[in-house]
């Protein structure tokens, strides 16, 4: 029987659930969970999506992701494929790690977002020592909202904090009360906060992903002060920087596939496009003068 097409739009917020196949744990230790977070961080840079909540358990995990103009399938495939490669190498095994496709559901209003985040943050309740101590479960974003931290540098707290008005300590207590009883609630629960907002916040600014490749090439050439013709030169090490940065930005802001980028640049394989995109990420992460190139590209549009 064919699988149903995934419902998705480029301005959606999604509840994502991942689960391992029955015979293994998805995360055997803290190192595995840290690896998954490091991959999320890597692909946040690559695809510019936002994470509003998370909780990783041993055999499954929950995320609230704002695709921010991107494609949820591409985002999750990249994260999960990379994690499965890591997992199989580490544990010297082959085959599937995740149970079927990831599950996703569109979050369609603020009330559902609040209740959903509480449900996600309630997940560790059955772990010994955490039923009345959910704030201190390391791999849940609850502690980040309550303590004002961001240990794994993947959480965008501003959206949910604004809806809940967590600057008010009374509202933090109200939210914690909701979290601790969320295993008995459902979507119809009325949630009372001092700042009420029951309309979906469609005024979120969504990143445009329809820039032309020429826009990217011209921007990068000007930004790094390089002849733009070098982006199409294959066997020259001095061209790697401009080629890598252009490929990375095309993947992110033109929403181009690897095959489409091959056509734009010419004389390039899809595997090389993938490699150049990874080089572009490394350049941005490790070269201070390019650390703000993404923000500067957005501002230049």
Protein backbone atom coordinates (compact mmCIF):
# COMPACT_ATOMS: atom_id res chain seq x y z
CA UNK A 1 0.00 0.00 0.00
CA UNK A 2 1.53 3.38 -0.98
CA UNK A 3 2.40 5.85 1.74
CA UNK A 4 0.35 8.99 2.09
CA UNK A 5 1.97 12.19 0.86
CA UNK A 6 3.33 14.30 3.69
CA UNK A 7 1.36 17.50 4.32
CA UNK A 8 3.80 20.40 4.34
CA UNK A 9 4.10 24.07 3.48
CA UNK A 10 7.07 26.42 3.51
CA UNK A 11 5.71 28.57 6.36
CA UNK A 12 4.65 25.75 8.69
CA UNK A 13 5.63 24.83 12.21
CA UNK A 14 5.84 21.05 12.64
CA UNK A 15 5.68 18.60 15.50
CA UNK A 16 8.29 16.00 14.55
CA UNK A 17 8.53 12.58 16.18
CA UNK A 18 11.40 10.19 15.50
CA UNK A 19 11.58 6.60 16.74
CA UNK A 20 14.03 3.71 16.42
CA UNK A 21 13.22 0.29 15.03
CA UNK A 22 11.99 -2.03 17.77
CA UNK A 23 15.17 -4.00 18.38
CA UNK A 24 17.48 -1.08 19.19
CA UNK A 25 17.56 2.13 21.18
CA UNK A 26 17.84 5.26 19.09
CA UNK A 27 20.22 6.74 21.66
CA UNK A 28 22.29 4.36 23.78
CA UNK A 29 24.13 7.01 25.77
CA UNK A 30 24.61 10.75 26.22
CA UNK A 31 27.20 10.79 23.42
CA UNK A 32 24.52 9.66 20.95
CA UNK A 33 22.13 12.39 22.04
CA UNK A 34 24.90 14.99 21.82
CA UNK A 35 25.71 13.78 18.31
CA UNK A 36 22.08 14.21 17.25
CA UNK A 37 22.05 17.76 18.64
CA UNK A 38 25.33 18.54 16.85
CA UNK A 39 23.72 17.44 13.57
CA UNK A 40 20.68 19.63 14.22
CA UNK A 41 23.05 22.55 14.84
CA UNK A 42 24.90 21.83 11.59
CA UNK A 43 21.72 21.68 9.53
CA UNK A 44 20.22 24.77 11.19
CA UNK A 45 23.13 26.61 9.60
CA UNK A 46 22.59 24.85 6.28
CA UNK A 47 18.80 25.21 6.02
CA UNK A 48 18.11 28.14 8.39
CA UNK A 49 15.18 26.50 10.21
CA UNK A 50 14.25 27.08 13.87
CA UNK A 51 13.77 24.69 16.78
CA UNK A 52 11.19 25.79 19.38
CA UNK A 53 11.25 22.71 21.64
CA UNK A 54 12.89 19.30 21.91
CA UNK A 55 13.15 16.20 24.05
CA UNK A 56 15.29 13.15 23.31
CA UNK A 57 14.51 9.86 25.04
CA UNK A 58 16.30 6.52 24.59
CA UNK A 59 14.12 5.13 21.81
CA UNK A 60 12.42 8.24 20.43
CA UNK A 61 12.49 12.01 20.30
CA UNK A 62 10.27 15.04 19.77
CA UNK A 63 11.02 18.34 18.04
CA UNK A 64 9.02 21.45 17.23
CA UNK A 65 10.50 22.85 14.03
CA UNK A 66 9.67 26.06 12.17
CA UNK A 67 10.86 25.37 8.62
CA UNK A 68 11.23 29.13 8.02
CA UNK A 69 10.70 28.84 4.28
CA UNK A 70 12.53 25.51 3.96
CA UNK A 71 11.45 21.94 3.28
CA UNK A 72 10.81 19.71 6.31
CA UNK A 73 11.53 16.52 4.36
CA UNK A 74 14.93 17.76 3.23
CA UNK A 75 15.76 18.97 6.75
CA UNK A 76 14.84 15.75 8.53
CA UNK A 77 16.29 13.46 5.86
CA UNK A 78 19.64 15.25 6.20
CA UNK A 79 19.70 15.01 10.00
CA UNK A 80 18.47 11.42 10.23
CA UNK A 81 20.58 10.09 7.36
CA UNK A 82 23.72 11.56 8.91
CA UNK A 83 22.81 10.19 12.34
CA UNK A 84 22.12 6.71 10.95
CA UNK A 85 25.57 6.70 9.31
CA UNK A 86 27.15 7.71 12.64
CA UNK A 87 25.13 5.12 14.57
CA UNK A 88 25.98 2.22 12.26
CA UNK A 89 29.67 3.10 12.27
CA UNK A 90 29.79 3.42 16.04
CA UNK A 91 27.95 0.18 16.75
CA UNK A 92 29.39 -1.76 13.78
CA UNK A 93 26.02 -2.61 12.28
CA UNK A 94 24.11 -2.21 9.01
CA UNK A 95 20.53 -1.46 8.09
CA UNK A 96 17.78 0.85 9.29
CA UNK A 97 18.02 2.85 12.51
CA UNK A 98 14.78 4.84 12.34
CA UNK A 99 11.30 3.33 12.29
CA UNK A 100 9.90 4.23 8.86
CA UNK A 101 9.68 7.91 7.99
CA UNK A 102 9.69 10.54 10.71
CA UNK A 103 6.17 11.49 11.81
CA UNK A 104 5.07 15.08 11.38
CA UNK A 105 2.03 17.16 12.16
CA UNK A 106 1.47 20.82 11.37
CA UNK A 107 1.00 23.10 14.38
CA UNK A 108 -1.89 25.32 13.38
CA UNK A 109 -2.43 27.69 16.31
CA UNK A 110 -0.81 29.05 19.46
CA UNK A 111 -2.91 27.00 21.88
CA UNK A 112 -1.84 23.77 20.24
CA UNK A 113 1.79 24.96 20.24
CA UNK A 114 1.64 25.61 23.99
CA UNK A 115 -0.02 22.30 24.84
CA UNK A 116 2.29 20.41 22.49
CA UNK A 117 5.42 21.92 24.03
CA UNK A 118 4.14 20.99 27.50
CA UNK A 119 3.50 17.42 26.34
CA UNK A 120 7.02 17.20 24.89
CA UNK A 121 8.57 18.58 28.07
CA UNK A 122 6.59 16.05 30.13
CA UNK A 123 8.17 13.07 28.32
CA UNK A 124 10.90 12.25 30.90
CA UNK A 125 8.34 11.75 33.69
CA UNK A 126 8.75 7.96 33.73
CA UNK A 127 12.53 8.07 34.08
CA UNK A 128 13.48 7.32 37.70
CA UNK A 129 14.20 10.55 39.52
CA UNK A 130 12.51 12.88 37.05
CA UNK A 131 8.76 12.59 37.71
CA UNK A 132 8.92 15.65 39.97
CA UNK A 133 12.16 17.00 38.55
CA UNK A 134 11.51 17.56 34.85
CA UNK A 135 13.44 20.83 34.82
CA UNK A 136 16.71 19.00 35.33
CA UNK A 137 16.39 16.48 32.49
CA UNK A 138 19.36 17.47 30.35
CA UNK A 139 18.02 16.54 26.92
CA UNK A 140 14.76 18.49 27.13
CA UNK A 141 14.37 22.17 26.28
CA UNK A 142 12.27 22.77 29.42
CA UNK A 143 15.35 23.66 31.46
CA UNK A 144 16.41 26.18 28.81
CA UNK A 145 13.11 28.06 29.07
CA UNK A 146 13.03 28.03 32.86
CA UNK A 147 16.73 28.68 33.51
CA UNK A 148 17.35 30.97 30.53
CA UNK A 149 20.11 28.79 29.05
CA UNK A 150 20.77 27.23 25.64
CA UNK A 151 23.27 24.45 26.27
CA UNK A 152 23.23 22.87 22.81
CA UNK A 153 22.89 26.15 20.88
CA UNK A 154 19.98 24.90 18.78
CA UNK A 155 16.96 26.43 20.53
CA UNK A 156 15.18 29.55 19.31
CA UNK A 157 13.32 30.58 22.45
CA UNK A 158 11.95 33.98 21.44
CA UNK A 159 8.76 32.78 19.70
CA UNK A 160 7.40 30.54 22.46
CA UNK A 161 8.65 32.87 25.19
CA UNK A 162 6.69 35.70 23.62
CA UNK A 163 3.49 33.67 23.31
CA UNK A 164 3.76 32.52 26.94
CA UNK A 165 5.12 35.86 28.20
CA UNK A 166 7.75 34.01 30.22
CA UNK A 167 9.30 37.27 31.33
CA UNK A 168 6.54 37.14 33.95
CA UNK A 169 7.55 34.67 36.70
CA UNK A 170 3.89 33.90 37.36
CA UNK A 171 3.56 32.62 33.81
CA UNK A 172 6.59 30.36 34.23
CA UNK A 173 4.82 28.75 37.20
CA UNK A 174 1.63 28.42 35.15
CA UNK A 175 3.52 26.79 32.32
CA UNK A 176 5.31 24.38 34.67
CA UNK A 177 1.95 23.44 36.15
CA UNK A 178 0.74 22.64 32.64
CA UNK A 179 3.87 20.59 31.89
CA UNK A 180 3.52 18.45 35.01
CA UNK A 181 -0.09 17.53 34.28
CA UNK A 182 0.22 17.30 30.48
CA UNK A 183 0.02 13.50 30.44
CA UNK A 184 -3.66 13.90 31.31
CA UNK A 185 -4.55 16.78 29.01
CA UNK A 186 -5.63 16.96 25.39
CA UNK A 187 -5.66 19.52 22.60
CA UNK A 188 -8.96 21.04 23.76
CA UNK A 189 -7.53 22.20 27.09
CA UNK A 190 -7.93 25.90 27.71
CA UNK A 191 -4.63 27.36 28.82
CA UNK A 192 -4.81 30.56 30.83
CA UNK A 193 -1.87 32.97 30.76
CA UNK A 194 -1.79 36.63 31.60
CA UNK A 195 -0.93 37.41 27.98
CA UNK A 196 -3.53 35.62 25.90
CA UNK A 197 -2.99 34.95 22.22
CA UNK A 198 -5.17 32.35 20.57
CA UNK A 199 -4.53 33.35 16.97
CA UNK A 200 -1.85 31.70 14.88
CA UNK A 201 1.04 34.14 14.54
CA UNK A 202 1.08 34.33 10.75
CA UNK A 203 3.13 37.54 10.97
CA UNK A 204 6.27 35.45 11.52
CA UNK A 205 8.91 36.57 9.07
CA UNK A 206 9.68 33.66 6.75
CA UNK A 207 12.95 33.55 4.84
CA UNK A 208 12.60 33.82 1.08
CA UNK A 209 14.03 30.80 -0.74
CA UNK A 210 13.53 31.96 -4.32
CA UNK A 211 16.73 33.86 -5.01
CA UNK A 212 18.40 33.29 -8.36
CA UNK A 213 21.77 31.56 -8.63
CA UNK A 214 23.18 34.68 -10.29
CA UNK A 215 22.13 36.74 -7.27
CA UNK A 216 24.11 34.34 -5.07
CA UNK A 217 27.16 34.26 -7.34
CA UNK A 218 27.29 38.06 -7.65
CA UNK A 219 26.89 38.50 -3.90
CA UNK A 220 29.61 36.00 -3.00
CA UNK A 221 32.03 37.38 -5.60
CA UNK A 222 31.60 40.91 -4.22
CA UNK A 223 31.69 39.70 -0.60
CA UNK A 224 35.00 37.85 -0.89
CA UNK A 225 36.36 40.14 -3.63
CA UNK A 226 36.83 37.41 -6.20
CA UNK A 227 36.20 37.16 -9.95
CA UNK A 228 32.78 35.52 -10.28
CA UNK A 229 33.97 33.49 -13.28
CA UNK A 230 35.99 31.36 -10.84
CA UNK A 231 32.80 29.68 -9.62
CA UNK A 232 32.81 27.67 -12.85
CA UNK A 233 36.51 26.72 -12.82
CA UNK A 234 36.89 23.10 -11.73
CA UNK A 235 40.54 22.17 -11.17
CA UNK A 236 41.92 25.18 -9.31
CA UNK A 237 42.31 25.23 -5.52
CA UNK A 238 42.06 29.01 -5.49
CA UNK A 239 38.45 28.64 -6.69
CA UNK A 240 37.27 26.30 -3.93
CA UNK A 241 36.22 29.08 -1.55
CA UNK A 242 33.90 30.90 -3.94
CA UNK A 243 32.51 27.63 -5.31
CA UNK A 244 31.81 26.24 -1.82
CA UNK A 245 30.15 29.41 -0.54
CA UNK A 246 28.02 29.74 -3.69
CA UNK A 247 26.89 26.10 -3.54
CA UNK A 248 26.02 26.41 0.15
CA UNK A 249 23.95 29.59 -0.38
CA UNK A 250 22.21 28.15 -3.45
CA UNK A 251 21.16 25.09 -1.45
CA UNK A 252 19.80 27.32 1.29
CA UNK A 253 18.33 30.36 -0.46
CA UNK A 254 17.58 29.22 -4.02
CA UNK A 255 16.09 25.96 -2.71
CA UNK A 256 18.01 24.21 -5.49
CA UNK A 257 18.65 20.49 -5.60
CA UNK A 258 22.13 19.14 -6.15
CA UNK A 259 21.20 18.29 -9.73
CA UNK A 260 20.00 21.85 -10.40
CA UNK A 261 23.24 23.27 -9.00
CA UNK A 262 25.19 20.96 -11.32
CA UNK A 263 23.34 22.55 -14.24
CA UNK A 264 24.04 26.09 -13.02
CA UNK A 265 27.76 25.68 -12.39
CA UNK A 266 28.44 23.03 -15.02
CA UNK A 267 30.98 20.20 -15.16
CA UNK A 268 30.09 19.12 -11.63
CA UNK A 269 28.78 15.90 -10.09
CA UNK A 270 26.08 15.75 -7.44
CA UNK A 271 28.50 14.18 -4.97
CA UNK A 272 30.87 17.10 -5.52
CA UNK A 273 28.01 19.54 -4.90
CA UNK A 274 27.37 17.79 -1.57
CA UNK A 275 31.08 18.02 -0.71
CA UNK A 276 31.29 21.69 -1.67
CA UNK A 277 28.23 22.47 0.46
CA UNK A 278 29.94 20.84 3.46
CA UNK A 279 33.11 22.81 2.75
CA UNK A 280 31.01 25.97 2.66
CA UNK A 281 29.60 25.20 6.10
CA UNK A 282 33.10 24.61 7.47
CA UNK A 283 34.34 27.89 5.98
CA UNK A 284 31.51 29.85 7.61
CA UNK A 285 31.95 28.11 10.97
CA UNK A 286 35.73 28.41 11.08
CA UNK A 287 36.55 31.64 9.24
CA UNK A 288 35.76 34.74 11.28
CA UNK A 289 35.51 37.12 8.30
CA UNK A 290 32.70 34.96 6.85
CA UNK A 291 30.83 34.31 10.09
CA UNK A 292 28.09 36.82 9.22
CA UNK A 293 27.81 36.04 5.50
CA UNK A 294 24.32 34.51 5.86
CA UNK A 295 22.92 37.55 7.68
CA UNK A 296 24.65 39.86 5.23
CA UNK A 297 23.15 37.98 2.28
CA UNK A 298 19.65 38.28 3.78
CA UNK A 299 20.17 42.01 4.37
CA UNK A 300 21.40 42.50 0.82
CA UNK A 301 18.21 41.13 -0.71
